[in-house]
Amino acid sequence: MSESPHTVYVVDDDAGMLESTQWLLESVGLQVKPYADGRQFLESVNPAQTGCAILDIRMPGLGGLNIQEELQKRGSQLPIIFVSGHADVPIVVRAFRSGAFDFIEKPFNEQLLLDSVQQALQENQQASRRQQGDQHTETLIAALTRRERDVFMPLAQGYTSREIAEQLDVGIKTIDLYRARVMKRLGVERVPDVTGIAIAAGLLDPLKLRER
């Protein structure tokens, strides 16, 4: 079975709890990968995988907080929902300070867990889409030649061909040529779309479009 964006990883050394949590999640159509051992989970999970993880806090060997720390070292963006029958304040504080998505005490209300999982999956998918969009934008801009980049920024700022020609000390026809090439490479037909790409890439402040 291949992993999907809706994969929920459940790590719990309590066999009964692991099985019942898996059943609950699968009953609402989610794909579940259960693990009774934290190290086994870390060995099999892809840091780039989307979804979310439900981790028991206290387990033999690697506990939930240790797993969270290791995932962060690997650059994983998986939202983590901790479950524990021993939710003392220092542990809860440590978990949230380290970026936990939620902390639920055992025995937990089933709907509470399902709501938390759905929210975590939604947030993770949105973050993944934003990251993919950023990478796509960076790829588009990186494909521009040096001269195209010279035209790209003032074009994004809303300068006319005449103004850009004066800035770069070249003819208007030359600017019109590069302007068309820039828009073709970026796959857009309107100047506002060029502006949007520059803003998305962090190259332009939308409040200071005409400032150089």
N, C-alpha and C. Protein backbone atom coordinates (compact mmCIF):
# COMPACT_ATOMS: atom_id res chain seq x y z
N MET A 1 0.86 -1.19 0.00
CA MET A 1 0.00 0.00 0.00
C MET A 1 0.89 1.24 0.00
N SER A 2 0.71 2.13 -0.98
CA SER A 2 1.52 3.33 -1.05
C SER A 2 0.99 4.37 -0.07
N GLU A 3 1.89 5.27 0.37
CA GLU A 3 1.49 6.28 1.32
C GLU A 3 0.81 7.43 0.59
N SER A 4 -0.17 8.02 1.25
CA SER A 4 -0.92 9.12 0.66
C SER A 4 -0.79 10.35 1.54
N PRO A 5 -1.26 11.51 1.02
CA PRO A 5 -1.20 12.72 1.84
C PRO A 5 -2.01 12.60 3.12
N HIS A 6 -2.88 11.57 3.18
CA HIS A 6 -3.73 11.40 4.36
C HIS A 6 -3.19 10.32 5.31
N THR A 7 -1.96 9.91 5.12
CA THR A 7 -1.39 8.87 5.98
C THR A 7 -1.23 9.38 7.41
N VAL A 8 -1.73 8.59 8.35
CA VAL A 8 -1.57 8.91 9.76
C VAL A 8 -0.67 7.84 10.38
N TYR A 9 0.44 8.26 10.94
CA TYR A 9 1.36 7.33 11.60
C TYR A 9 1.01 7.28 13.08
N VAL A 10 0.78 6.08 13.57
CA VAL A 10 0.43 5.92 14.99
C VAL A 10 1.52 5.10 15.65
N VAL A 11 2.13 5.67 16.69
CA VAL A 11 3.22 4.99 17.40
C VAL A 11 2.83 4.84 18.86
N ASP A 12 2.61 3.59 19.27
CA ASP A 12 2.17 3.33 20.65
C ASP A 12 2.58 1.91 21.01
N ASP A 13 3.22 1.73 22.16
CA ASP A 13 3.67 0.39 22.56
C ASP A 13 2.55 -0.44 23.16
N ASP A 14 1.40 0.18 23.44
CA ASP A 14 0.23 -0.54 23.96
C ASP A 14 -0.51 -1.14 22.76
N ALA A 15 -0.43 -2.47 22.60
CA ALA A 15 -1.01 -3.14 21.43
C ALA A 15 -2.50 -2.87 21.29
N GLY A 16 -3.22 -2.88 22.40
CA GLY A 16 -4.65 -2.65 22.35
C GLY A 16 -4.98 -1.24 21.91
N MET A 17 -4.25 -0.27 22.45
CA MET A 17 -4.48 1.13 22.08
C MET A 17 -4.10 1.37 20.63
N LEU A 18 -3.01 0.74 20.20
CA LEU A 18 -2.56 0.90 18.81
C LEU A 18 -3.62 0.37 17.84
N GLU A 19 -4.16 -0.79 18.15
CA GLU A 19 -5.16 -1.41 17.28
C GLU A 19 -6.46 -0.61 17.26
N SER A 20 -6.91 -0.16 18.41
CA SER A 20 -8.17 0.59 18.47
C SER A 20 -8.05 1.95 17.79
N THR A 21 -6.88 2.59 17.91
CA THR A 21 -6.66 3.88 17.24
C THR A 21 -6.63 3.70 15.73
N GLN A 22 -5.97 2.62 15.29
CA GLN A 22 -5.93 2.33 13.86
C GLN A 22 -7.33 2.08 13.33
N TRP A 23 -8.11 1.31 14.04
CA TRP A 23 -9.48 1.01 13.60
C TRP A 23 -10.31 2.28 13.51
N LEU A 24 -10.19 3.15 14.53
CA LEU A 24 -10.96 4.39 14.55
C LEU A 24 -10.63 5.26 13.35
N LEU A 25 -9.37 5.42 13.05
CA LEU A 25 -8.95 6.29 11.94
C LEU A 25 -9.35 5.69 10.59
N GLU A 26 -9.19 4.40 10.45
CA GLU A 26 -9.55 3.75 9.19
C GLU A 26 -11.06 3.76 8.98
N SER A 27 -11.82 3.84 10.06
CA SER A 27 -13.28 3.86 9.93
C SER A 27 -13.79 5.13 9.26
N VAL A 28 -12.94 6.19 9.22
CA VAL A 28 -13.34 7.43 8.54
C VAL A 28 -12.55 7.62 7.25
N GLY A 29 -11.95 6.53 6.76
CA GLY A 29 -11.31 6.55 5.46
C GLY A 29 -9.86 7.00 5.43
N LEU A 30 -9.23 7.08 6.58
CA LEU A 30 -7.83 7.49 6.61
C LEU A 30 -6.90 6.29 6.47
N GLN A 31 -5.75 6.51 5.85
CA GLN A 31 -4.74 5.46 5.75
C GLN A 31 -3.87 5.52 6.99
N VAL A 32 -3.66 4.39 7.62
CA VAL A 32 -2.92 4.36 8.89
C VAL A 32 -1.72 3.43 8.78
N LYS A 33 -0.59 3.87 9.34
CA LYS A 33 0.59 3.02 9.44
C LYS A 33 0.93 2.92 10.92
N PRO A 34 0.65 1.75 11.54
CA PRO A 34 0.88 1.60 12.98
C PRO A 34 2.29 1.09 13.30
N TYR A 35 2.82 1.55 14.41
CA TYR A 35 4.14 1.11 14.89
C TYR A 35 4.08 0.94 16.39
N ALA A 36 4.64 -0.18 16.87
CA ALA A 36 4.70 -0.41 18.30
C ALA A 36 6.03 0.03 18.88
N ASP A 37 6.92 0.51 18.00
CA ASP A 37 8.27 0.87 18.42
C ASP A 37 8.68 2.18 17.72
N GLY A 38 9.17 3.13 18.51
CA GLY A 38 9.54 4.42 17.96
C GLY A 38 10.69 4.36 16.98
N ARG A 39 11.67 3.52 17.25
CA ARG A 39 12.83 3.43 16.36
C ARG A 39 12.43 2.84 15.00
N GLN A 40 11.56 1.86 15.04
CA GLN A 40 11.08 1.27 13.78
C GLN A 40 10.35 2.32 12.94
N PHE A 41 9.58 3.17 13.60
CA PHE A 41 8.88 4.25 12.91
C PHE A 41 9.88 5.19 12.24
N LEU A 42 10.90 5.60 12.97
CA LEU A 42 11.89 6.53 12.43
C LEU A 42 12.67 5.93 11.26
N GLU A 43 12.88 4.63 11.31
CA GLU A 43 13.61 3.96 10.24
C GLU A 43 12.81 3.88 8.95
N SER A 44 11.49 3.90 9.07
CA SER A 44 10.65 3.70 7.89
C SER A 44 10.03 4.98 7.32
N VAL A 45 9.91 6.02 8.14
CA VAL A 45 9.22 7.22 7.68
C VAL A 45 10.13 8.08 6.81
N ASN A 46 9.54 8.65 5.76
CA ASN A 46 10.25 9.57 4.88
C ASN A 46 10.07 10.98 5.42
N PRO A 47 11.17 11.71 5.70
CA PRO A 47 11.04 13.06 6.27
C PRO A 47 10.19 14.00 5.41
N ALA A 48 10.12 13.73 4.11
CA ALA A 48 9.36 14.59 3.20
C ALA A 48 7.89 14.19 3.11
N GLN A 49 7.53 13.07 3.74
CA GLN A 49 6.15 12.58 3.65
C GLN A 49 5.18 13.52 4.36
N THR A 50 4.02 13.72 3.74
CA THR A 50 2.98 14.52 4.39
C THR A 50 2.03 13.61 5.15
N GLY A 51 1.20 14.21 5.98
CA GLY A 51 0.27 13.45 6.80
C GLY A 51 0.35 13.98 8.22
N CYS A 52 0.30 13.10 9.20
CA CYS A 52 0.52 13.52 10.59
C CYS A 52 0.90 12.29 11.41
N ALA A 53 1.39 12.53 12.61
CA ALA A 53 1.82 11.44 13.48
C ALA A 53 1.15 11.55 14.84
N ILE A 54 0.69 10.40 15.34
CA ILE A 54 0.14 10.33 16.70
C ILE A 54 1.16 9.55 17.52
N LEU A 55 1.74 10.19 18.51
CA LEU A 55 2.81 9.58 19.29
C LEU A 55 2.44 9.47 20.76
N ASP A 56 2.66 8.28 21.30
CA ASP A 56 2.52 8.11 22.74
C ASP A 56 3.74 8.77 23.40
N ILE A 57 3.54 9.44 24.50
CA ILE A 57 4.64 10.13 25.17
C ILE A 57 5.63 9.14 25.77
N ARG A 58 5.12 8.18 26.53
CA ARG A 58 6.01 7.28 27.26
C ARG A 58 6.01 5.89 26.64
N MET A 59 7.15 5.52 26.12
CA MET A 59 7.33 4.19 25.53
C MET A 59 8.73 3.69 25.85
N PRO A 60 8.92 2.37 25.92
CA PRO A 60 10.26 1.82 26.13
C PRO A 60 11.17 2.28 24.99
N GLY A 61 12.42 2.56 25.29
CA GLY A 61 13.34 3.01 24.24
C GLY A 61 13.09 4.47 23.92
N LEU A 62 12.63 4.74 22.73
CA LEU A 62 12.35 6.11 22.30
C LEU A 62 10.92 6.52 22.65
N GLY A 63 10.77 7.54 23.47
CA GLY A 63 9.46 8.06 23.78
C GLY A 63 9.04 9.09 22.74
N GLY A 64 7.82 9.58 22.87
CA GLY A 64 7.29 10.51 21.89
C GLY A 64 8.12 11.77 21.73
N LEU A 65 8.61 12.34 22.83
CA LEU A 65 9.40 13.57 22.75
C LEU A 65 10.72 13.34 22.04
N ASN A 66 11.31 12.17 22.24
CA ASN A 66 12.56 11.82 21.55
C ASN A 66 12.33 11.68 20.05
N ILE A 67 11.20 11.09 19.69
CA ILE A 67 10.85 10.93 18.28
C ILE A 67 10.64 12.30 17.64
N GLN A 68 9.94 13.18 18.36
CA GLN A 68 9.69 14.53 17.87
C GLN A 68 11.02 15.24 17.60
N GLU A 69 11.94 15.13 18.51
CA GLU A 69 13.25 15.77 18.36
C GLU A 69 13.99 15.24 17.14
N GLU A 70 13.94 13.94 16.94
CA GLU A 70 14.63 13.33 15.80
C GLU A 70 13.99 13.75 14.49
N LEU A 71 12.68 13.82 14.44
CA LEU A 71 11.99 14.25 13.23
C LEU A 71 12.38 15.68 12.87
N GLN A 72 12.50 16.53 13.87
CA GLN A 72 12.88 17.91 13.62
C GLN A 72 14.29 18.00 13.07
N LYS A 73 15.18 17.17 13.57
CA LYS A 73 16.56 17.15 13.07
C LYS A 73 16.59 16.77 11.60
N ARG A 74 15.66 15.94 11.19
CA ARG A 74 15.61 15.48 9.80
C ARG A 74 14.84 16.44 8.88
N GLY A 75 14.31 17.50 9.47
CA GLY A 75 13.58 18.47 8.67
C GLY A 75 12.15 18.07 8.36
N SER A 76 11.61 17.10 9.08
CA SER A 76 10.24 16.67 8.84
C SER A 76 9.24 17.73 9.29
N GLN A 77 8.18 17.91 8.49
CA GLN A 77 7.14 18.88 8.81
C GLN A 77 5.86 18.19 9.28
N LEU A 78 5.94 16.91 9.62
CA LEU A 78 4.75 16.19 10.07
C LEU A 78 4.18 16.81 11.34
N PRO A 79 2.91 17.20 11.35
CA PRO A 79 2.29 17.66 12.60
C PRO A 79 2.24 16.48 13.58
N ILE A 80 2.52 16.76 14.82
CA ILE A 80 2.55 15.70 15.83
C ILE A 80 1.46 15.91 16.87
N ILE A 81 0.66 14.87 17.05
CA ILE A 81 -0.36 14.85 18.09
C ILE A 81 0.12 13.87 19.16
N PHE A 82 0.34 14.36 20.36
CA PHE A 82 0.77 13.49 21.44
C PHE A 82 -0.44 12.96 22.18
N VAL A 83 -0.37 11.69 22.58
CA VAL A 83 -1.39 11.10 23.46
C VAL A 83 -0.66 10.51 24.66
N SER A 84 -1.24 10.68 25.82
CA SER A 84 -0.57 10.18 27.01
C SER A 84 -1.54 10.04 28.17
N GLY A 85 -1.30 9.02 28.98
CA GLY A 85 -2.07 8.85 30.22
C GLY A 85 -1.37 9.53 31.37
N HIS A 86 -0.23 10.17 31.09
CA HIS A 86 0.57 10.83 32.13
C HIS A 86 0.89 12.24 31.66
N ALA A 87 -0.13 13.05 31.50
CA ALA A 87 0.04 14.39 30.93
C ALA A 87 0.36 15.42 32.02
N ASP A 88 1.54 15.31 32.66
CA ASP A 88 1.90 16.31 33.65
C ASP A 88 2.35 17.59 32.94
N VAL A 89 2.22 18.70 33.62
CA VAL A 89 2.42 20.02 33.03
C VAL A 89 3.78 20.19 32.35
N PRO A 90 4.90 19.82 32.96
CA PRO A 90 6.20 20.02 32.29
C PRO A 90 6.30 19.31 30.94
N ILE A 91 5.73 18.11 30.87
CA ILE A 91 5.78 17.37 29.61
C ILE A 91 4.94 18.06 28.54
N VAL A 92 3.75 18.50 28.93
CA VAL A 92 2.87 19.20 27.98
C VAL A 92 3.54 20.47 27.48
N VAL A 93 4.13 21.22 28.39
CA VAL A 93 4.81 22.47 28.02
C VAL A 93 5.96 22.19 27.07
N ARG A 94 6.76 21.18 27.37
CA ARG A 94 7.89 20.83 26.51
C ARG A 94 7.42 20.43 25.11
N ALA A 95 6.35 19.65 25.07
CA ALA A 95 5.83 19.18 23.78
C ALA A 95 5.39 20.36 22.90
N PHE A 96 4.63 21.29 23.47
CA PHE A 96 4.15 22.43 22.69
C PHE A 96 5.27 23.39 22.32
N ARG A 97 6.22 23.57 23.21
CA ARG A 97 7.35 24.43 22.89
C ARG A 97 8.17 23.87 21.74
N SER A 98 8.13 22.56 21.60
CA SER A 98 8.87 21.92 20.51
C SER A 98 8.03 21.80 19.24
N GLY A 99 6.83 22.41 19.26
CA GLY A 99 6.04 22.47 18.04
C GLY A 99 4.93 21.45 17.91
N ALA A 100 4.52 20.82 19.00
CA ALA A 100 3.43 19.83 18.93
C ALA A 100 2.16 20.48 18.40
N PHE A 101 1.41 19.73 17.60
CA PHE A 101 0.15 20.25 17.09
C PHE A 101 -0.95 20.15 18.15
N ASP A 102 -0.94 19.05 18.92
CA ASP A 102 -1.96 18.88 19.94
C ASP A 102 -1.46 17.90 20.99
N PHE A 103 -2.10 17.90 22.13
CA PHE A 103 -1.76 16.98 23.22
C PHE A 103 -3.09 16.50 23.81
N ILE A 104 -3.33 15.19 23.74
CA ILE A 104 -4.60 14.62 24.17
C ILE A 104 -4.35 13.55 25.23
N GLU A 105 -5.10 13.65 26.31
CA GLU A 105 -4.94 12.69 27.40
C GLU A 105 -5.71 11.40 27.14
N LYS A 106 -5.11 10.28 27.53
CA LYS A 106 -5.80 8.99 27.49
C LYS A 106 -6.58 8.82 28.79
N PRO A 107 -7.72 8.13 28.77
CA PRO A 107 -8.43 7.68 27.56
C PRO A 107 -9.06 8.89 26.87
N PHE A 108 -8.94 8.96 25.56
CA PHE A 108 -9.40 10.15 24.86
C PHE A 108 -10.78 9.95 24.22
N ASN A 109 -11.45 11.06 24.03
CA ASN A 109 -12.71 11.07 23.32
C ASN A 109 -12.41 10.85 21.84
N GLU A 110 -13.09 9.89 21.22
CA GLU A 110 -12.79 9.53 19.84
C GLU A 110 -12.97 10.71 18.88
N GLN A 111 -14.06 11.45 19.06
CA GLN A 111 -14.31 12.58 18.16
C GLN A 111 -13.26 13.67 18.33
N LEU A 112 -12.77 13.84 19.53
CA LEU A 112 -11.72 14.83 19.80
C LEU A 112 -10.46 14.48 19.02
N LEU A 113 -10.11 13.20 19.03
CA LEU A 113 -8.92 12.77 18.30
C LEU A 113 -9.13 12.92 16.79
N LEU A 114 -10.29 12.51 16.31
CA LEU A 114 -10.57 12.61 14.86
C LEU A 114 -10.53 14.06 14.40
N ASP A 115 -11.10 14.96 15.18
CA ASP A 115 -11.07 16.38 14.82
C ASP A 115 -9.65 16.90 14.77
N SER A 116 -8.85 16.51 15.74
CA SER A 116 -7.47 16.97 15.79
C SER A 116 -6.68 16.44 14.60
N VAL A 117 -6.88 15.18 14.25
CA VAL A 117 -6.18 14.57 13.11
C VAL A 117 -6.58 15.27 11.81
N GLN A 118 -7.85 15.51 11.61
CA GLN A 118 -8.32 16.17 10.39
C GLN A 118 -7.73 17.57 10.27
N GLN A 119 -7.67 18.30 11.35
CA GLN A 119 -7.11 19.64 11.34
C GLN A 119 -5.61 19.60 11.04
N ALA A 120 -4.92 18.61 11.62
CA ALA A 120 -3.47 18.47 11.39
C ALA A 120 -3.19 18.13 9.93
N LEU A 121 -3.99 17.23 9.35
CA LEU A 121 -3.81 16.86 7.96
C LEU A 121 -4.06 18.05 7.04
N GLN A 122 -5.09 18.81 7.34
CA GLN A 122 -5.41 19.98 6.51
C GLN A 122 -4.29 21.01 6.57
N GLU A 123 -3.78 21.26 7.75
CA GLU A 123 -2.69 22.24 7.91
C GLU A 123 -1.44 21.77 7.17
N ASN A 124 -1.14 20.47 7.27
CA ASN A 124 0.05 19.92 6.63
C ASN A 124 -0.04 20.01 5.11
N GLN A 125 -1.23 19.73 4.58
CA GLN A 125 -1.42 19.81 3.13
C GLN A 125 -1.29 21.24 2.64
N GLN A 126 -1.81 22.19 3.39
CA GLN A 126 -1.71 23.60 3.00
C GLN A 126 -0.25 24.05 3.01
N ALA A 127 0.49 23.62 4.04
CA ALA A 127 1.90 23.98 4.11
C ALA A 127 2.68 23.37 2.96
N SER A 128 2.32 22.12 2.60
CA SER A 128 2.99 21.44 1.49
C SER A 128 2.72 22.14 0.18
N ARG A 129 1.47 22.59 -0.03
CA ARG A 129 1.14 23.31 -1.27
C ARG A 129 1.88 24.64 -1.35
N ARG A 130 1.99 25.34 -0.20
CA ARG A 130 2.73 26.61 -0.20
C ARG A 130 4.19 26.38 -0.55
N GLN A 131 4.77 25.32 0.01
CA GLN A 131 6.18 25.02 -0.25
C GLN A 131 6.39 24.68 -1.72
N GLN A 132 5.49 23.88 -2.30
CA GLN A 132 5.60 23.53 -3.71
C GLN A 132 5.46 24.76 -4.59
N GLY A 133 4.55 25.67 -4.20
CA GLY A 133 4.37 26.89 -4.96
C GLY A 133 5.62 27.76 -4.91
N ASP A 134 6.25 27.85 -3.74
CA ASP A 134 7.48 28.63 -3.59
C ASP A 134 8.59 28.05 -4.45
N GLN A 135 8.71 26.73 -4.47
CA GLN A 135 9.75 26.08 -5.26
C GLN A 135 9.52 26.32 -6.75
N HIS A 136 8.25 26.28 -7.16
CA HIS A 136 7.93 26.51 -8.57
C HIS A 136 8.29 27.94 -8.97
N THR A 137 7.97 28.88 -8.10
CA THR A 137 8.28 30.28 -8.38
C THR A 137 9.78 30.50 -8.49
N GLU A 138 10.54 29.91 -7.58
CA GLU A 138 11.99 30.05 -7.61
C GLU A 138 12.57 29.45 -8.88
N THR A 139 12.00 28.34 -9.33
CA THR A 139 12.48 27.69 -10.57
C THR A 139 12.23 28.59 -11.77
N LEU A 140 11.06 29.23 -11.82
CA LEU A 140 10.74 30.12 -12.92
C LEU A 140 11.72 31.29 -13.00
N ILE A 141 11.98 31.90 -11.87
CA ILE A 141 12.86 33.06 -11.84
C ILE A 141 14.30 32.66 -12.15
N ALA A 142 14.71 31.50 -11.67
CA ALA A 142 16.08 31.03 -11.92
C ALA A 142 16.32 30.78 -13.40
N ALA A 143 15.25 30.54 -14.18
CA ALA A 143 15.38 30.25 -15.60
C ALA A 143 15.61 31.52 -16.42
N LEU A 144 15.42 32.69 -15.81
CA LEU A 144 15.61 33.94 -16.53
C LEU A 144 17.11 34.21 -16.75
N THR A 145 17.44 34.77 -17.90
CA THR A 145 18.82 35.18 -18.16
C THR A 145 19.12 36.45 -17.36
N ARG A 146 20.37 36.85 -17.32
CA ARG A 146 20.74 38.05 -16.55
C ARG A 146 20.01 39.28 -17.06
N ARG A 147 19.95 39.46 -18.40
CA ARG A 147 19.27 40.61 -18.97
C ARG A 147 17.76 40.53 -18.73
N GLU A 148 17.21 39.33 -18.79
CA GLU A 148 15.78 39.17 -18.51
C GLU A 148 15.47 39.53 -17.06
N ARG A 149 16.38 39.20 -16.16
CA ARG A 149 16.18 39.56 -14.75
C ARG A 149 16.24 41.07 -14.57
N ASP A 150 17.12 41.73 -15.36
CA ASP A 150 17.22 43.20 -15.30
C ASP A 150 15.88 43.85 -15.66
N VAL A 151 15.15 43.21 -16.58
CA VAL A 151 13.86 43.73 -17.02
C VAL A 151 12.75 43.25 -16.08
N PHE A 152 12.89 42.06 -15.55
CA PHE A 152 11.86 41.44 -14.71
C PHE A 152 11.50 42.30 -13.51
N MET A 153 12.50 42.78 -12.76
CA MET A 153 12.21 43.51 -11.53
C MET A 153 11.49 44.83 -11.77
N PRO A 154 12.01 45.72 -12.65
CA PRO A 154 11.25 46.97 -12.88
C PRO A 154 9.88 46.71 -13.51
N LEU A 155 9.77 45.66 -14.32
CA LEU A 155 8.48 45.31 -14.90
C LEU A 155 7.51 44.92 -13.79
N ALA A 156 8.00 44.13 -12.85
CA ALA A 156 7.17 43.72 -11.71
C ALA A 156 6.77 44.91 -10.85
N GLN A 157 7.63 45.93 -10.82
CA GLN A 157 7.34 47.12 -10.02
C GLN A 157 6.36 48.07 -10.71
N GLY A 158 6.01 47.75 -11.96
CA GLY A 158 5.02 48.55 -12.66
C GLY A 158 5.57 49.64 -13.55
N TYR A 159 6.88 49.61 -13.80
CA TYR A 159 7.45 50.61 -14.69
C TYR A 159 7.08 50.31 -16.14
N THR A 160 6.92 51.35 -16.93
CA THR A 160 6.60 51.18 -18.36
C THR A 160 7.86 50.81 -19.12
N SER A 161 7.68 50.38 -20.38
CA SER A 161 8.82 50.04 -21.22
C SER A 161 9.74 51.24 -21.39
N ARG A 162 9.17 52.43 -21.54
CA ARG A 162 9.99 53.64 -21.70
C ARG A 162 10.82 53.89 -20.45
N GLU A 163 10.20 53.75 -19.28
CA GLU A 163 10.92 53.98 -18.03
C GLU A 163 12.04 52.96 -17.83
N ILE A 164 11.76 51.70 -18.17
CA ILE A 164 12.78 50.65 -18.03
C ILE A 164 13.92 50.91 -19.01
N ALA A 165 13.58 51.34 -20.23
CA ALA A 165 14.60 51.64 -21.23
C ALA A 165 15.53 52.74 -20.73
N GLU A 166 14.96 53.75 -20.08
CA GLU A 166 15.77 54.84 -19.53
C GLU A 166 16.65 54.34 -18.40
N GLN A 167 16.11 53.47 -17.56
CA GLN A 167 16.88 52.93 -16.44
C GLN A 167 18.07 52.12 -16.92
N LEU A 168 17.86 51.30 -17.96
CA LEU A 168 18.90 50.40 -18.45
C LEU A 168 19.70 50.99 -19.61
N ASP A 169 19.30 52.19 -20.05
CA ASP A 169 19.98 52.89 -21.14
C ASP A 169 20.02 52.06 -22.42
N VAL A 170 18.87 51.53 -22.80
CA VAL A 170 18.72 50.79 -24.05
C VAL A 170 17.45 51.27 -24.74
N GLY A 171 17.22 50.81 -25.98
CA GLY A 171 16.06 51.23 -26.73
C GLY A 171 14.77 50.59 -26.24
N ILE A 172 13.66 51.29 -26.50
CA ILE A 172 12.36 50.78 -26.07
C ILE A 172 12.03 49.46 -26.76
N LYS A 173 12.37 49.34 -28.04
CA LYS A 173 12.09 48.09 -28.76
C LYS A 173 12.81 46.91 -28.13
N THR A 174 14.02 47.17 -27.65
CA THR A 174 14.78 46.10 -26.98
C THR A 174 14.07 45.67 -25.70
N ILE A 175 13.58 46.66 -24.95
CA ILE A 175 12.86 46.36 -23.71
C ILE A 175 11.58 45.60 -24.01
N ASP A 176 10.87 46.01 -25.05
CA ASP A 176 9.64 45.31 -25.43
C ASP A 176 9.93 43.85 -25.76
N LEU A 177 11.07 43.60 -26.40
CA LEU A 177 11.46 42.24 -26.75
C LEU A 177 11.72 41.42 -25.48
N TYR A 178 12.51 41.99 -24.56
CA TYR A 178 12.82 41.27 -23.33
C TYR A 178 11.60 41.14 -22.43
N ARG A 179 10.76 42.13 -22.46
CA ARG A 179 9.51 42.08 -21.69
C ARG A 179 8.66 40.89 -22.13
N ALA A 180 8.54 40.71 -23.45
CA ALA A 180 7.76 39.58 -23.98
C ALA A 180 8.41 38.25 -23.60
N ARG A 181 9.74 38.21 -23.63
CA ARG A 181 10.45 36.97 -23.29
C ARG A 181 10.28 36.63 -21.82
N VAL A 182 10.35 37.65 -20.97
CA VAL A 182 10.17 37.43 -19.53
C VAL A 182 8.79 36.85 -19.25
N MET A 183 7.77 37.44 -19.83
CA MET A 183 6.40 36.98 -19.58
C MET A 183 6.17 35.58 -20.13
N LYS A 184 6.81 35.28 -21.26
CA LYS A 184 6.68 33.94 -21.82
C LYS A 184 7.34 32.91 -20.93
N ARG A 185 8.54 33.22 -20.44
CA ARG A 185 9.26 32.28 -19.55
C ARG A 185 8.48 32.05 -18.25
N LEU A 186 7.86 33.10 -17.76
CA LEU A 186 7.11 32.98 -16.51
C LEU A 186 5.72 32.37 -16.71
N GLY A 187 5.30 32.27 -17.99
CA GLY A 187 4.02 31.67 -18.29
C GLY A 187 2.84 32.55 -17.91
N VAL A 188 3.02 33.88 -18.04
CA VAL A 188 1.94 34.80 -17.70
C VAL A 188 1.64 35.72 -18.88
N GLU A 189 0.49 36.35 -18.86
CA GLU A 189 0.08 37.24 -19.95
C GLU A 189 -0.15 38.67 -19.48
N ARG A 190 -0.18 38.86 -18.15
CA ARG A 190 -0.45 40.20 -17.62
C ARG A 190 0.65 40.64 -16.67
N VAL A 191 0.94 41.94 -16.68
CA VAL A 191 1.98 42.49 -15.81
C VAL A 191 1.67 42.24 -14.33
N PRO A 192 0.40 42.36 -13.87
CA PRO A 192 0.11 42.07 -12.46
C PRO A 192 0.54 40.66 -12.03
N ASP A 193 0.51 39.72 -12.99
CA ASP A 193 0.95 38.36 -12.67
C ASP A 193 2.46 38.32 -12.45
N VAL A 194 3.19 39.14 -13.20
CA VAL A 194 4.64 39.25 -13.01
C VAL A 194 4.91 39.82 -11.62
N THR A 195 4.14 40.83 -11.26
CA THR A 195 4.27 41.44 -9.93
C THR A 195 3.99 40.40 -8.84
N GLY A 196 2.96 39.60 -9.05
CA GLY A 196 2.62 38.57 -8.07
C GLY A 196 3.73 37.56 -7.87
N ILE A 197 4.40 37.19 -8.96
CA ILE A 197 5.50 36.23 -8.87
C ILE A 197 6.65 36.82 -8.07
N ALA A 198 6.96 38.09 -8.33
CA ALA A 198 8.05 38.75 -7.60
C ALA A 198 7.74 38.85 -6.11
N ILE A 199 6.48 39.15 -5.79
CA ILE A 199 6.08 39.24 -4.38
C ILE A 199 6.14 37.87 -3.72
N ALA A 200 5.66 36.84 -4.43
CA ALA A 200 5.67 35.47 -3.89
C ALA A 200 7.09 34.99 -3.62
N ALA A 201 8.03 35.46 -4.44
CA ALA A 201 9.43 35.04 -4.27
C ALA A 201 10.15 35.86 -3.21
N GLY A 202 9.45 36.84 -2.63
CA GLY A 202 10.07 37.67 -1.60
C GLY A 202 11.02 38.71 -2.15
N LEU A 203 10.93 38.98 -3.46
CA LEU A 203 11.83 39.95 -4.10
C LEU A 203 11.24 41.36 -4.12
N LEU A 204 9.98 41.46 -3.76
CA LEU A 204 9.30 42.74 -3.89
C LEU A 204 8.32 42.93 -2.75
N ASP A 205 8.37 44.11 -2.14
CA ASP A 205 7.42 44.47 -1.10
C ASP A 205 6.19 45.08 -1.77
N PRO A 206 5.02 44.49 -1.60
CA PRO A 206 3.82 45.00 -2.28
C PRO A 206 3.47 46.44 -1.89
N LEU A 207 4.00 46.92 -0.79
CA LEU A 207 3.73 48.28 -0.35
C LEU A 207 4.75 49.28 -0.88
N LYS A 208 5.79 48.75 -1.56
CA LYS A 208 6.85 49.63 -2.05
C LYS A 208 7.21 49.25 -3.49
N LEU A 209 6.21 49.16 -4.33
CA LEU A 209 6.42 48.67 -5.69
C LEU A 209 7.34 49.57 -6.50
N ARG A 210 7.27 50.88 -6.32
CA ARG A 210 8.01 51.79 -7.17
C ARG A 210 9.34 52.22 -6.56
N GLU A 211 9.67 51.68 -5.41
CA GLU A 211 10.95 52.03 -4.78
C GLU A 211 12.05 51.10 -5.28
N ARG A 212 13.18 51.68 -5.59
CA ARG A 212 14.31 50.90 -6.07
C ARG A 212 15.49 51.04 -5.12
